[in-house]
Amino acid sequence: MNKYEIMFIVRPDMEEAEIKKTAEDMKKVLTDGKATIAEEKNMGQRELAYEVKKFKTGYYFLFVVEAESEVIDEFARVVGINESVIRHLIVKVED
């Protein structure tokens, strides 16, 4: 298993319950694939460095996970088609 840091930004124009559900859905993709979530952070609403899809702010979430690369590939596929997520970044952490 490899260690990854996953950050994604959720649209700011949604209800709080929808934002939490989006984060839970993303977490479920990882846990369904037998990934171990070492750390989970809701970093709240922050201003973006530049406008993304006509949004100037977004809700940031950070997961630190240990998973197989297939699980991360599936997460990247799902987060890429989820319209609630405006940006994501997956970084493999080297030991």
C-alpha atoms as a PDB file:
ATOM      1  CA  MET A   1       0.000   0.000   0.000  1.00  0.00           C
ATOM      2  CA  ASN A   2       1.097   3.526  -0.754  1.00  0.00           C
ATOM      3  CA  LYS A   3       0.404   6.707   1.155  1.00  0.00           C
ATOM      4  CA  TYR A   4      -1.443   9.558  -0.586  1.00  0.00           C
ATOM      5  CA  GLU A   5      -2.624  13.057   0.261  1.00  0.00           C
ATOM      6  CA  ILE A   6      -5.893  13.906  -1.455  1.00  0.00           C
ATOM      7  CA  MET A   7      -7.301  17.416  -1.483  1.00  0.00           C
ATOM      8  CA  PHE A   8     -10.507  18.423  -3.176  1.00  0.00           C
ATOM      9  CA  ILE A   9     -12.566  21.616  -3.322  1.00  0.00           C
ATOM     10  CA  VAL A  10     -16.361  21.573  -3.228  1.00  0.00           C
ATOM     11  CA  ARG A  11     -18.532  24.278  -4.805  1.00  0.00           C
ATOM     12  CA  PRO A  12     -19.493  27.076  -2.392  1.00  0.00           C
ATOM     13  CA  ASP A  13     -23.032  27.574  -3.725  1.00  0.00           C
ATOM     14  CA  MET A  14     -24.427  24.384  -2.145  1.00  0.00           C
ATOM     15  CA  GLU A  15     -26.238  23.809   1.156  1.00  0.00           C
ATOM     16  CA  GLU A  16     -24.089  22.709   4.096  1.00  0.00           C
ATOM     17  CA  ALA A  17     -25.733  19.260   4.123  1.00  0.00           C
ATOM     18  CA  GLU A  18     -24.932  18.774   0.423  1.00  0.00           C
ATOM     19  CA  ILE A  19     -21.309  19.764   1.003  1.00  0.00           C
ATOM     20  CA  LYS A  20     -20.965  17.225   3.825  1.00  0.00           C
ATOM     21  CA  LYS A  21     -22.665  14.556   1.714  1.00  0.00           C
ATOM     22  CA  THR A  22     -20.221  15.188  -1.138  1.00  0.00           C
ATOM     23  CA  ALA A  23     -17.276  14.758   1.259  1.00  0.00           C
ATOM     24  CA  GLU A  24     -18.833  11.564   2.671  1.00  0.00           C
ATOM     25  CA  ASP A  25     -19.401  10.212  -0.850  1.00  0.00           C
ATOM     26  CA  MET A  26     -15.740  10.812  -1.691  1.00  0.00           C
ATOM     27  CA  LYS A  27     -14.684   9.132   1.563  1.00  0.00           C
ATOM     28  CA  LYS A  28     -16.938   6.151   0.781  1.00  0.00           C
ATOM     29  CA  VAL A  29     -15.209   5.607  -2.573  1.00  0.00           C
ATOM     30  CA  LEU A  30     -11.933   5.228  -0.675  1.00  0.00           C
ATOM     31  CA  THR A  31     -13.253   3.033   2.147  1.00  0.00           C
ATOM     32  CA  ASP A  32     -15.152   0.788  -0.283  1.00  0.00           C
ATOM     33  CA  GLY A  33     -11.817   0.121  -1.970  1.00  0.00           C
ATOM     34  CA  LYS A  34     -10.269  -0.921   1.375  1.00  0.00           C
ATOM     35  CA  ALA A  35      -8.257   2.282   1.774  1.00  0.00           C
ATOM     36  CA  THR A  36      -7.221   3.283   5.278  1.00  0.00           C
ATOM     37  CA  ILE A  37      -7.909   6.923   6.085  1.00  0.00           C
ATOM     38  CA  ALA A  38      -5.178   8.125   8.451  1.00  0.00           C
ATOM     39  CA  GLU A  39      -6.292  11.744   8.603  1.00  0.00           C
ATOM     40  CA  GLU A  40      -9.368  13.643   7.516  1.00  0.00           C
ATOM     41  CA  LYS A  41      -9.631  17.432   7.607  1.00  0.00           C
ATOM     42  CA  ASN A  42     -12.467  19.769   6.738  1.00  0.00           C
ATOM     43  CA  MET A  43     -10.539  22.979   6.151  1.00  0.00           C
ATOM     44  CA  GLY A  44     -13.678  25.059   5.640  1.00  0.00           C
ATOM     45  CA  GLN A  45     -14.413  27.726   3.088  1.00  0.00           C
ATOM     46  CA  ARG A  46     -11.382  29.510   1.683  1.00  0.00           C
ATOM     47  CA  GLU A  47     -10.688  31.962  -1.070  1.00  0.00           C
ATOM     48  CA  LEU A  48      -9.244  30.448  -4.237  1.00  0.00           C
ATOM     49  CA  ALA A  49      -5.998  31.784  -5.666  1.00  0.00           C
ATOM     50  CA  TYR A  50      -7.795  32.300  -8.970  1.00  0.00           C
ATOM     51  CA  GLU A  51     -11.324  31.871 -10.255  1.00  0.00           C
ATOM     52  CA  VAL A  52     -12.274  28.250 -10.965  1.00  0.00           C
ATOM     53  CA  LYS A  53     -15.469  27.505 -12.903  1.00  0.00           C
ATOM     54  CA  LYS A  54     -16.673  31.025 -12.026  1.00  0.00           C
ATOM     55  CA  PHE A  55     -16.204  30.462  -8.255  1.00  0.00           C
ATOM     56  CA  LYS A  56     -13.931  32.623  -6.100  1.00  0.00           C
ATOM     57  CA  THR A  57     -14.224  30.471  -2.949  1.00  0.00           C
ATOM     58  CA  GLY A  58     -14.637  26.789  -2.166  1.00  0.00           C
ATOM     59  CA  TYR A  59     -14.819  24.279   0.681  1.00  0.00           C
ATOM     60  CA  TYR A  60     -11.511  22.455   1.087  1.00  0.00           C
ATOM     61  CA  PHE A  61     -11.184  18.842   2.269  1.00  0.00           C
ATOM     62  CA  LEU A  62      -7.971  16.890   2.895  1.00  0.00           C
ATOM     63  CA  PHE A  63      -7.627  13.122   3.278  1.00  0.00           C
ATOM     64  CA  VAL A  64      -4.387  11.311   4.083  1.00  0.00           C
ATOM     65  CA  VAL A  65      -4.875   7.692   3.032  1.00  0.00           C
ATOM     66  CA  GLU A  66      -3.056   4.429   2.562  1.00  0.00           C
ATOM     67  CA  ALA A  67      -4.378   2.608  -0.479  1.00  0.00           C
ATOM     68  CA  GLU A  68      -3.593   0.586  -3.549  1.00  0.00           C
ATOM     69  CA  SER A  69      -3.163   2.525  -6.779  1.00  0.00           C
ATOM     70  CA  GLU A  70      -6.373   0.999  -8.227  1.00  0.00           C
ATOM     71  CA  VAL A  71      -8.413   2.614  -5.422  1.00  0.00           C
ATOM     72  CA  ILE A  72      -6.805   5.990  -6.111  1.00  0.00           C
ATOM     73  CA  ASP A  73      -7.503   5.591  -9.839  1.00  0.00           C
ATOM     74  CA  GLU A  74     -11.172   4.918  -9.064  1.00  0.00           C
ATOM     75  CA  PHE A  75     -11.299   7.934  -6.724  1.00  0.00           C
ATOM     76  CA  ALA A  76      -9.811  10.145  -9.456  1.00  0.00           C
ATOM     77  CA  ARG A  77     -12.414   8.874 -11.926  1.00  0.00           C
ATOM     78  CA  VAL A  78     -15.350   9.479  -9.551  1.00  0.00           C
ATOM     79  CA  VAL A  79     -14.175  12.900  -8.360  1.00  0.00           C
ATOM     80  CA  GLY A  80     -13.587  13.940 -11.964  1.00  0.00           C
ATOM     81  CA  ILE A  81     -17.219  13.330 -12.938  1.00  0.00           C
ATOM     82  CA  ASN A  82     -18.741  14.711  -9.722  1.00  0.00           C
ATOM     83  CA  GLU A  83     -20.116  18.149 -10.566  1.00  0.00           C
ATOM     84  CA  SER A  84     -19.966  19.256  -6.915  1.00  0.00           C
ATOM     85  CA  VAL A  85     -16.154  19.092  -6.902  1.00  0.00           C
ATOM     86  CA  ILE A  86     -14.469  21.954  -8.747  1.00  0.00           C
ATOM     87  CA  ARG A  87     -10.822  20.871  -8.243  1.00  0.00           C
ATOM     88  CA  HIS A  88      -8.876  17.950  -6.818  1.00  0.00           C
ATOM     89  CA  LEU A  89      -5.253  16.992  -6.307  1.00  0.00           C
ATOM     90  CA  ILE A  90      -3.770  13.593  -5.446  1.00  0.00           C
ATOM     91  CA  VAL A  91      -0.148  13.433  -4.285  1.00  0.00           C
ATOM     92  CA  LYS A  92       1.738  10.226  -3.551  1.00  0.00           C
ATOM     93  CA  VAL A  93       3.775  10.646  -0.365  1.00  0.00           C
ATOM     94  CA  GLU A  94       7.242   9.076  -0.531  1.00  0.00           C
ATOM     95  CA  ASP A  95       8.665   7.628   2.676  1.00  0.00           C
END
